[in-house]
Amino acid sequence: MVWAAGLGRAAVYPKEDSNMKKFTMLLLAGLLVLPLVTGCGSKKQGYGGGDTTYNSLKSAFLGDHVYFDFDRYDIRADGAAIIQAKAAFLSQYPGVRTEIQGHCDERGTEVYNMALGDRRARATYNYITSLGVEGHRLSIVSYGKERPLDSGHNEAAWARNRRAQFVITSE
């Protein structure tokens, strides 16, 4: 599945990739079943502190970023799987609020990259809200090229910097 978002409009385009579907289903099943098996899936309070299941899921939630192709803001299949896992986490922990940050590589002007980062964050927001996550729990911001993950000046570094990143703002 590939998600394409435009200014104010969004559409989902099916793309056959059975391995990605299997991976997504296994990932979602793991996120939903693990708390039930460990007995902490029903805990509403205290998950910001010592709940090791919450902490391990939170670590995965924060560590996985949605990556984009050069000069693009449409959600790729690998990004869709990551967003689906993030939606499952947010559904399981309704008290968590998050900020979606849009980032770009160093190429392009500051103004262009701020706008592109905003479009990446909005495309990610549109996709995750289409999965049932309430919009009031999310905020978006663009950092353009101001906060690179990789300070290198090559394609590998640029690819890591073209991303939407989730940051938990309250638990």
N, C-alpha and C. Protein backbone atom coordinates (compact mmCIF):
# COMPACT_ATOMS: atom_id res chain seq x y z
N MET A 1 0.85 -1.17 0.00
CA MET A 1 0.00 0.00 0.00
C MET A 1 0.90 1.24 0.00
N VAL A 2 0.62 2.18 -0.82
CA VAL A 2 1.36 3.42 -0.88
C VAL A 2 0.39 4.55 -0.60
N TRP A 3 0.77 5.48 0.22
CA TRP A 3 -0.08 6.59 0.61
C TRP A 3 0.46 7.83 -0.07
N ALA A 4 -0.38 8.52 -0.79
CA ALA A 4 0.02 9.77 -1.43
C ALA A 4 -0.86 10.87 -0.90
N ALA A 5 -0.25 11.94 -0.48
CA ALA A 5 -1.03 13.05 0.07
C ALA A 5 -0.71 14.31 -0.70
N GLY A 6 -1.73 15.05 -1.02
CA GLY A 6 -1.56 16.33 -1.68
C GLY A 6 -2.01 17.43 -0.75
N LEU A 7 -2.08 18.61 -1.22
CA LEU A 7 -2.52 19.71 -0.39
C LEU A 7 -4.01 19.59 -0.16
N GLY A 8 -4.38 19.13 1.03
CA GLY A 8 -5.78 19.01 1.39
C GLY A 8 -6.46 17.75 0.90
N ARG A 9 -5.81 16.92 0.10
CA ARG A 9 -6.41 15.68 -0.39
C ARG A 9 -5.44 14.53 -0.17
N ALA A 10 -5.99 13.37 0.02
CA ALA A 10 -5.15 12.19 0.18
C ALA A 10 -5.82 11.00 -0.49
N ALA A 11 -5.01 10.06 -0.94
CA ALA A 11 -5.55 8.86 -1.57
C ALA A 11 -4.65 7.68 -1.23
N VAL A 12 -5.20 6.50 -1.17
CA VAL A 12 -4.43 5.29 -0.93
C VAL A 12 -4.41 4.49 -2.22
N TYR A 13 -3.23 4.09 -2.61
CA TYR A 13 -3.08 3.31 -3.83
C TYR A 13 -2.59 1.92 -3.45
N PRO A 14 -3.31 0.87 -3.83
CA PRO A 14 -2.85 -0.49 -3.50
C PRO A 14 -1.62 -0.85 -4.31
N LYS A 15 -0.73 -1.55 -3.65
CA LYS A 15 0.48 -2.02 -4.31
C LYS A 15 0.74 -3.43 -3.79
N GLU A 16 0.84 -4.38 -4.67
CA GLU A 16 1.00 -5.76 -4.26
C GLU A 16 2.41 -5.97 -3.71
N ASP A 17 2.48 -6.34 -2.48
CA ASP A 17 3.74 -6.69 -1.86
C ASP A 17 3.42 -7.62 -0.70
N SER A 18 3.33 -8.90 -0.98
CA SER A 18 2.88 -9.85 0.03
C SER A 18 3.84 -9.92 1.21
N ASN A 19 5.14 -9.75 0.99
CA ASN A 19 6.09 -9.77 2.10
C ASN A 19 5.86 -8.61 3.04
N MET A 20 5.57 -7.43 2.50
CA MET A 20 5.30 -6.27 3.33
C MET A 20 4.02 -6.47 4.13
N LYS A 21 3.00 -7.06 3.49
CA LYS A 21 1.73 -7.33 4.19
C LYS A 21 1.97 -8.29 5.34
N LYS A 22 2.74 -9.36 5.10
CA LYS A 22 3.02 -10.33 6.15
C LYS A 22 3.80 -9.67 7.28
N PHE A 23 4.80 -8.86 6.95
CA PHE A 23 5.60 -8.17 7.96
C PHE A 23 4.72 -7.25 8.79
N THR A 24 3.86 -6.48 8.13
CA THR A 24 2.97 -5.55 8.83
C THR A 24 2.04 -6.29 9.76
N MET A 25 1.45 -7.37 9.29
CA MET A 25 0.52 -8.13 10.12
C MET A 25 1.23 -8.74 11.33
N LEU A 26 2.43 -9.27 11.13
CA LEU A 26 3.18 -9.83 12.25
C LEU A 26 3.57 -8.75 13.25
N LEU A 27 3.98 -7.60 12.75
CA LEU A 27 4.37 -6.49 13.62
C LEU A 27 3.17 -6.01 14.43
N LEU A 28 2.04 -5.81 13.79
CA LEU A 28 0.83 -5.37 14.50
C LEU A 28 0.36 -6.42 15.49
N ALA A 29 0.41 -7.68 15.10
CA ALA A 29 -0.01 -8.75 16.01
C ALA A 29 0.90 -8.78 17.23
N GLY A 30 2.18 -8.60 17.02
CA GLY A 30 3.12 -8.57 18.15
C GLY A 30 2.85 -7.41 19.09
N LEU A 31 2.56 -6.25 18.54
CA LEU A 31 2.27 -5.09 19.39
C LEU A 31 0.99 -5.26 20.19
N LEU A 32 0.02 -5.95 19.61
CA LEU A 32 -1.26 -6.12 20.29
C LEU A 32 -1.27 -7.30 21.24
N VAL A 33 -0.53 -8.37 20.93
CA VAL A 33 -0.55 -9.57 21.73
C VAL A 33 0.44 -9.51 22.89
N LEU A 34 1.58 -8.91 22.72
CA LEU A 34 2.61 -8.88 23.75
C LEU A 34 2.09 -8.37 25.10
N PRO A 35 1.37 -7.25 25.16
CA PRO A 35 0.87 -6.80 26.46
C PRO A 35 -0.13 -7.78 27.07
N LEU A 36 -0.91 -8.48 26.26
CA LEU A 36 -1.86 -9.45 26.80
C LEU A 36 -1.15 -10.63 27.42
N VAL A 37 -0.08 -11.08 26.76
CA VAL A 37 0.69 -12.21 27.26
C VAL A 37 1.41 -11.84 28.55
N THR A 38 1.95 -10.63 28.63
CA THR A 38 2.70 -10.22 29.81
C THR A 38 1.81 -9.70 30.92
N GLY A 39 0.52 -9.51 30.63
CA GLY A 39 -0.42 -9.11 31.66
C GLY A 39 -0.50 -7.63 31.91
N CYS A 40 0.08 -6.81 31.05
CA CYS A 40 0.05 -5.37 31.33
C CYS A 40 -0.70 -4.61 30.24
N GLY A 41 -1.42 -5.29 29.40
CA GLY A 41 -2.16 -4.62 28.35
C GLY A 41 -3.33 -3.81 28.86
N SER A 42 -3.85 -4.17 30.04
CA SER A 42 -5.03 -3.47 30.54
C SER A 42 -4.67 -2.34 31.49
N LYS A 43 -3.42 -2.13 31.79
CA LYS A 43 -3.02 -1.07 32.71
C LYS A 43 -3.23 0.28 32.06
N LYS A 44 -3.99 1.15 32.72
CA LYS A 44 -4.19 2.49 32.18
C LYS A 44 -3.24 3.48 32.81
N GLN A 45 -2.88 3.26 34.04
CA GLN A 45 -2.00 4.21 34.71
C GLN A 45 -0.64 3.57 34.95
N GLY A 46 0.34 4.39 35.12
CA GLY A 46 1.67 3.91 35.45
C GLY A 46 2.50 3.48 34.26
N TYR A 47 1.99 3.58 33.04
CA TYR A 47 2.79 3.10 31.93
C TYR A 47 3.90 4.06 31.55
N GLY A 48 3.91 5.24 32.10
CA GLY A 48 5.02 6.15 31.84
C GLY A 48 6.22 5.86 32.72
N GLY A 49 6.04 5.02 33.73
CA GLY A 49 7.11 4.79 34.70
C GLY A 49 7.79 3.46 34.52
N GLY A 50 7.40 2.47 35.34
CA GLY A 50 8.14 1.24 35.42
C GLY A 50 7.61 0.10 34.57
N ASP A 51 6.62 0.29 33.76
CA ASP A 51 6.07 -0.77 32.93
C ASP A 51 7.07 -1.09 31.82
N THR A 52 7.73 -2.25 31.94
CA THR A 52 8.79 -2.58 30.98
C THR A 52 8.23 -2.83 29.58
N THR A 53 7.01 -3.36 29.48
CA THR A 53 6.41 -3.57 28.17
C THR A 53 6.19 -2.22 27.49
N TYR A 54 5.63 -1.27 28.24
CA TYR A 54 5.43 0.07 27.69
C TYR A 54 6.75 0.67 27.26
N ASN A 55 7.76 0.55 28.11
CA ASN A 55 9.06 1.16 27.79
C ASN A 55 9.69 0.54 26.55
N SER A 56 9.56 -0.77 26.37
CA SER A 56 10.14 -1.38 25.17
C SER A 56 9.35 -0.99 23.92
N LEU A 57 8.01 -0.92 24.04
CA LEU A 57 7.21 -0.47 22.90
C LEU A 57 7.47 1.00 22.59
N LYS A 58 7.64 1.80 23.64
CA LYS A 58 7.93 3.23 23.46
C LYS A 58 9.27 3.40 22.73
N SER A 59 10.24 2.60 23.11
CA SER A 59 11.55 2.68 22.47
C SER A 59 11.45 2.38 20.97
N ALA A 60 10.68 1.35 20.62
CA ALA A 60 10.47 1.03 19.20
C ALA A 60 9.69 2.15 18.51
N PHE A 61 8.69 2.70 19.20
CA PHE A 61 7.88 3.79 18.65
C PHE A 61 8.77 4.99 18.29
N LEU A 62 9.67 5.34 19.19
CA LEU A 62 10.52 6.51 18.97
C LEU A 62 11.67 6.23 18.01
N GLY A 63 12.10 4.98 17.92
CA GLY A 63 13.27 4.65 17.12
C GLY A 63 13.01 4.48 15.64
N ASP A 64 11.78 4.14 15.27
CA ASP A 64 11.46 3.92 13.87
C ASP A 64 10.97 5.21 13.22
N HIS A 65 11.61 5.60 12.14
CA HIS A 65 11.23 6.82 11.42
C HIS A 65 10.63 6.46 10.06
N VAL A 66 9.85 7.37 9.54
CA VAL A 66 9.26 7.21 8.21
C VAL A 66 10.18 7.95 7.23
N TYR A 67 10.73 7.23 6.27
CA TYR A 67 11.68 7.82 5.33
C TYR A 67 11.01 8.13 4.00
N PHE A 68 11.56 9.13 3.31
CA PHE A 68 10.99 9.62 2.06
C PHE A 68 12.03 9.63 0.95
N ASP A 69 11.56 9.54 -0.27
CA ASP A 69 12.44 9.67 -1.43
C ASP A 69 12.79 11.15 -1.62
N PHE A 70 13.81 11.41 -2.40
CA PHE A 70 14.26 12.77 -2.66
C PHE A 70 13.13 13.62 -3.23
N ASP A 71 12.93 14.78 -2.62
CA ASP A 71 11.97 15.78 -3.09
C ASP A 71 10.54 15.23 -3.14
N ARG A 72 10.21 14.26 -2.29
CA ARG A 72 8.89 13.63 -2.27
C ARG A 72 8.33 13.67 -0.86
N TYR A 73 7.01 13.57 -0.77
CA TYR A 73 6.36 13.49 0.54
C TYR A 73 5.29 12.42 0.58
N ASP A 74 5.25 11.55 -0.44
CA ASP A 74 4.27 10.46 -0.40
C ASP A 74 4.83 9.32 0.47
N ILE A 75 3.92 8.67 1.18
CA ILE A 75 4.30 7.60 2.09
C ILE A 75 4.57 6.33 1.29
N ARG A 76 5.80 5.80 1.45
CA ARG A 76 6.16 4.55 0.77
C ARG A 76 5.60 3.36 1.54
N ALA A 77 5.67 2.17 0.97
CA ALA A 77 5.16 0.96 1.62
C ALA A 77 5.86 0.69 2.95
N ASP A 78 7.18 0.89 3.01
CA ASP A 78 7.89 0.66 4.26
C ASP A 78 7.47 1.69 5.32
N GLY A 79 7.21 2.90 4.90
CA GLY A 79 6.73 3.93 5.82
C GLY A 79 5.33 3.64 6.31
N ALA A 80 4.48 3.09 5.45
CA ALA A 80 3.11 2.75 5.84
C ALA A 80 3.12 1.70 6.95
N ALA A 81 4.00 0.72 6.84
CA ALA A 81 4.10 -0.32 7.87
C ALA A 81 4.53 0.28 9.21
N ILE A 82 5.45 1.22 9.16
CA ILE A 82 5.92 1.87 10.39
C ILE A 82 4.79 2.70 11.01
N ILE A 83 4.06 3.42 10.18
CA ILE A 83 2.96 4.25 10.69
C ILE A 83 1.86 3.35 11.27
N GLN A 84 1.59 2.23 10.65
CA GLN A 84 0.59 1.30 11.18
C GLN A 84 0.99 0.78 12.55
N ALA A 85 2.27 0.48 12.74
CA ALA A 85 2.74 0.04 14.05
C ALA A 85 2.62 1.17 15.08
N LYS A 86 2.91 2.39 14.67
CA LYS A 86 2.77 3.54 15.56
C LYS A 86 1.31 3.77 15.93
N ALA A 87 0.41 3.56 14.99
CA ALA A 87 -1.02 3.69 15.27
C ALA A 87 -1.47 2.64 16.29
N ALA A 88 -0.95 1.43 16.17
CA ALA A 88 -1.29 0.38 17.13
C ALA A 88 -0.80 0.76 18.53
N PHE A 89 0.40 1.30 18.63
CA PHE A 89 0.94 1.76 19.92
C PHE A 89 0.06 2.84 20.51
N LEU A 90 -0.29 3.84 19.70
CA LEU A 90 -1.11 4.94 20.19
C LEU A 90 -2.52 4.48 20.56
N SER A 91 -3.04 3.50 19.88
CA SER A 91 -4.35 2.94 20.23
C SER A 91 -4.29 2.22 21.57
N GLN A 92 -3.17 1.57 21.82
CA GLN A 92 -3.00 0.82 23.06
C GLN A 92 -2.77 1.75 24.25
N TYR A 93 -2.18 2.90 24.03
CA TYR A 93 -1.87 3.86 25.10
C TYR A 93 -2.53 5.19 24.79
N PRO A 94 -3.81 5.34 25.12
CA PRO A 94 -4.57 6.53 24.72
C PRO A 94 -4.13 7.82 25.41
N GLY A 95 -3.32 7.75 26.45
CA GLY A 95 -2.86 8.96 27.11
C GLY A 95 -1.63 9.58 26.45
N VAL A 96 -1.05 8.88 25.49
CA VAL A 96 0.17 9.37 24.84
C VAL A 96 -0.20 10.38 23.76
N ARG A 97 0.49 11.50 23.78
CA ARG A 97 0.37 12.52 22.73
C ARG A 97 1.74 12.63 22.07
N THR A 98 1.73 12.96 20.78
CA THR A 98 2.99 12.96 20.04
C THR A 98 3.06 14.11 19.05
N GLU A 99 4.27 14.47 18.73
CA GLU A 99 4.54 15.48 17.71
C GLU A 99 5.18 14.77 16.52
N ILE A 100 4.69 15.07 15.33
CA ILE A 100 5.26 14.52 14.11
C ILE A 100 6.13 15.60 13.50
N GLN A 101 7.41 15.31 13.38
CA GLN A 101 8.38 16.29 12.87
C GLN A 101 8.76 15.93 11.44
N GLY A 102 8.67 16.90 10.54
CA GLY A 102 9.08 16.71 9.15
C GLY A 102 10.49 17.22 8.94
N HIS A 103 11.33 16.39 8.33
CA HIS A 103 12.74 16.73 8.11
C HIS A 103 13.13 16.54 6.65
N CYS A 104 14.17 17.23 6.23
CA CYS A 104 14.69 17.16 4.86
C CYS A 104 16.20 16.99 4.88
N ASP A 105 16.78 16.69 3.73
CA ASP A 105 18.24 16.68 3.64
C ASP A 105 18.73 18.10 3.40
N GLU A 106 20.02 18.27 3.30
CA GLU A 106 20.61 19.61 3.24
C GLU A 106 20.47 20.31 1.89
N ARG A 107 20.03 19.58 0.87
CA ARG A 107 19.89 20.18 -0.45
C ARG A 107 18.61 21.00 -0.51
N GLY A 108 18.64 22.07 -1.25
CA GLY A 108 17.47 22.94 -1.37
C GLY A 108 17.57 24.14 -0.43
N THR A 109 16.73 25.13 -0.69
CA THR A 109 16.75 26.34 0.14
C THR A 109 16.06 26.09 1.46
N GLU A 110 16.30 26.96 2.42
CA GLU A 110 15.64 26.84 3.73
C GLU A 110 14.13 26.90 3.59
N VAL A 111 13.64 27.85 2.81
CA VAL A 111 12.20 28.02 2.65
C VAL A 111 11.58 26.79 1.99
N TYR A 112 12.20 26.29 0.93
CA TYR A 112 11.68 25.11 0.24
C TYR A 112 11.66 23.91 1.18
N ASN A 113 12.74 23.69 1.91
CA ASN A 113 12.82 22.54 2.80
C ASN A 113 11.87 22.64 3.98
N MET A 114 11.59 23.85 4.47
CA MET A 114 10.59 24.00 5.53
C MET A 114 9.22 23.59 5.02
N ALA A 115 8.89 23.99 3.79
CA ALA A 115 7.60 23.62 3.20
C ALA A 115 7.53 22.11 2.93
N LEU A 116 8.62 21.53 2.42
CA LEU A 116 8.66 20.10 2.15
C LEU A 116 8.56 19.30 3.46
N GLY A 117 9.26 19.74 4.49
CA GLY A 117 9.16 19.08 5.79
C GLY A 117 7.75 19.13 6.34
N ASP A 118 7.07 20.25 6.11
CA ASP A 118 5.67 20.37 6.54
C ASP A 118 4.79 19.39 5.77
N ARG A 119 5.00 19.26 4.47
CA ARG A 119 4.21 18.33 3.67
C ARG A 119 4.46 16.88 4.11
N ARG A 120 5.69 16.56 4.48
CA ARG A 120 6.00 15.20 4.97
C ARG A 120 5.31 14.94 6.30
N ALA A 121 5.36 15.89 7.20
CA ALA A 121 4.68 15.72 8.49
C ALA A 121 3.17 15.61 8.29
N ARG A 122 2.60 16.43 7.41
CA ARG A 122 1.15 16.38 7.15
C ARG A 122 0.73 15.08 6.48
N ALA A 123 1.54 14.57 5.56
CA ALA A 123 1.22 13.28 4.92
C ALA A 123 1.22 12.17 5.97
N THR A 124 2.17 12.21 6.87
CA THR A 124 2.24 11.22 7.95
C THR A 124 1.04 11.36 8.88
N TYR A 125 0.70 12.60 9.23
CA TYR A 125 -0.47 12.88 10.07
C TYR A 125 -1.74 12.37 9.40
N ASN A 126 -1.91 12.67 8.13
CA ASN A 126 -3.11 12.22 7.39
C ASN A 126 -3.23 10.70 7.39
N TYR A 127 -2.11 10.02 7.20
CA TYR A 127 -2.15 8.56 7.16
C TYR A 127 -2.49 7.99 8.53
N ILE A 128 -1.85 8.47 9.58
CA ILE A 128 -2.08 7.88 10.90
C ILE A 128 -3.49 8.20 11.41
N THR A 129 -4.03 9.37 11.07
CA THR A 129 -5.40 9.66 11.48
C THR A 129 -6.40 8.83 10.67
N SER A 130 -6.05 8.47 9.44
CA SER A 130 -6.94 7.60 8.65
C SER A 130 -7.01 6.20 9.26
N LEU A 131 -6.05 5.86 10.11
CA LEU A 131 -6.03 4.57 10.79
C LEU A 131 -6.78 4.61 12.13
N GLY A 132 -7.34 5.77 12.47
CA GLY A 132 -8.15 5.87 13.68
C GLY A 132 -7.54 6.62 14.84
N VAL A 133 -6.31 7.09 14.70
CA VAL A 133 -5.71 7.87 15.78
C VAL A 133 -6.34 9.27 15.76
N GLU A 134 -6.77 9.73 16.93
CA GLU A 134 -7.44 11.02 17.02
C GLU A 134 -6.45 12.15 16.76
N GLY A 135 -6.85 13.08 15.90
CA GLY A 135 -5.99 14.20 15.52
C GLY A 135 -5.59 15.10 16.67
N HIS A 136 -6.43 15.21 17.70
CA HIS A 136 -6.11 16.09 18.83
C HIS A 136 -4.94 15.57 19.66
N ARG A 137 -4.55 14.32 19.45
CA ARG A 137 -3.41 13.75 20.17
C ARG A 137 -2.09 13.99 19.43
N LEU A 138 -2.17 14.59 18.26
CA LEU A 138 -1.00 14.77 17.40
C LEU A 138 -0.79 16.24 17.09
N SER A 139 0.46 16.62 16.95
CA SER A 139 0.79 17.94 16.42
C SER A 139 1.88 17.74 15.37
N ILE A 140 2.04 18.71 14.50
CA ILE A 140 3.07 18.59 13.47
C ILE A 140 3.94 19.84 13.48
N VAL A 141 5.19 19.64 13.08
CA VAL A 141 6.14 20.74 12.96
C VAL A 141 7.14 20.37 11.86
N SER A 142 7.64 21.37 11.17
CA SER A 142 8.67 21.14 10.17
C SER A 142 9.98 21.75 10.66
N TYR A 143 11.04 20.97 10.55
CA TYR A 143 12.37 21.49 10.85
C TYR A 143 13.21 21.65 9.58
N GLY A 144 12.63 21.34 8.43
CA GLY A 144 13.38 21.49 7.19
C GLY A 144 14.68 20.72 7.25
N LYS A 145 15.78 21.41 6.99
CA LYS A 145 17.10 20.76 7.02
C LYS A 145 17.87 21.11 8.29
N GLU A 146 17.21 21.68 9.28
CA GLU A 146 17.88 22.20 10.48
C GLU A 146 18.30 21.15 11.50
N ARG A 147 17.72 19.96 11.48
CA ARG A 147 18.03 18.93 12.48
C ARG A 147 18.36 17.60 11.81
N PRO A 148 19.50 17.51 11.15
CA PRO A 148 19.84 16.25 10.47
C PRO A 148 20.19 15.14 11.47
N LEU A 149 19.83 13.91 11.13
CA LEU A 149 20.28 12.75 11.92
C LEU A 149 21.72 12.42 11.58
N ASP A 150 22.09 12.63 10.33
CA ASP A 150 23.41 12.28 9.82
C ASP A 150 24.02 13.54 9.21
N SER A 151 25.17 13.93 9.67
CA SER A 151 25.80 15.16 9.19
C SER A 151 26.65 14.96 7.94
N GLY A 152 26.62 13.76 7.37
CA GLY A 152 27.38 13.48 6.16
C GLY A 152 26.84 14.25 4.96
N HIS A 153 27.64 14.26 3.90
CA HIS A 153 27.28 14.98 2.68
C HIS A 153 27.28 14.03 1.49
N ASN A 154 26.54 12.92 1.65
CA ASN A 154 26.43 11.92 0.58
C ASN A 154 25.01 11.36 0.56
N GLU A 155 24.72 10.52 -0.42
CA GLU A 155 23.36 10.01 -0.58
C GLU A 155 22.88 9.23 0.63
N ALA A 156 23.75 8.44 1.26
CA ALA A 156 23.34 7.67 2.43
C ALA A 156 22.91 8.60 3.58
N ALA A 157 23.66 9.65 3.80
CA ALA A 157 23.31 10.62 4.86
C ALA A 157 22.03 11.36 4.50
N TRP A 158 21.91 11.78 3.26
CA TRP A 158 20.72 12.52 2.84
C TRP A 158 19.47 11.65 2.99
N ALA A 159 19.59 10.35 2.65
CA ALA A 159 18.45 9.44 2.77
C ALA A 159 17.98 9.31 4.22
N ARG A 160 18.92 9.29 5.17
CA ARG A 160 18.55 9.20 6.60
C ARG A 160 17.89 10.48 7.09
N ASN A 161 18.23 11.60 6.47
CA ASN A 161 17.70 12.88 6.94
C ASN A 161 16.32 13.21 6.36
N ARG A 162 15.91 12.55 5.31
CA ARG A 162 14.58 12.77 4.72
C ARG A 162 13.59 11.90 5.45
N ARG A 163 12.97 12.44 6.50
CA ARG A 163 12.16 11.60 7.38
C ARG A 163 11.05 12.37 8.07
N ALA A 164 10.10 11.60 8.59
CA ALA A 164 9.13 12.10 9.57
C ALA A 164 9.46 11.35 10.85
N GLN A 165 9.58 12.10 11.92
CA GLN A 165 10.00 11.53 13.19
C GLN A 165 8.93 11.82 14.24
N PHE A 166 8.62 10.83 15.06
CA PHE A 166 7.64 10.97 16.13
C PHE A 166 8.35 11.23 17.45
N VAL A 167 7.84 12.21 18.20
CA VAL A 167 8.37 12.53 19.52
C VAL A 167 7.19 12.56 20.48
N ILE A 168 7.30 11.87 21.60
CA ILE A 168 6.22 11.86 22.59
C ILE A 168 6.27 13.17 23.37
N THR A 169 5.15 13.87 23.41
CA THR A 169 5.07 15.15 24.11
C THR A 169 4.41 15.04 25.48
N SER A 170 3.58 14.02 25.68
CA SER A 170 3.02 13.75 27.03
C SER A 170 2.57 12.30 27.11
N GLU A 171 2.61 11.78 28.34
CA GLU A 171 2.26 10.37 28.56
C GLU A 171 1.15 10.30 29.59
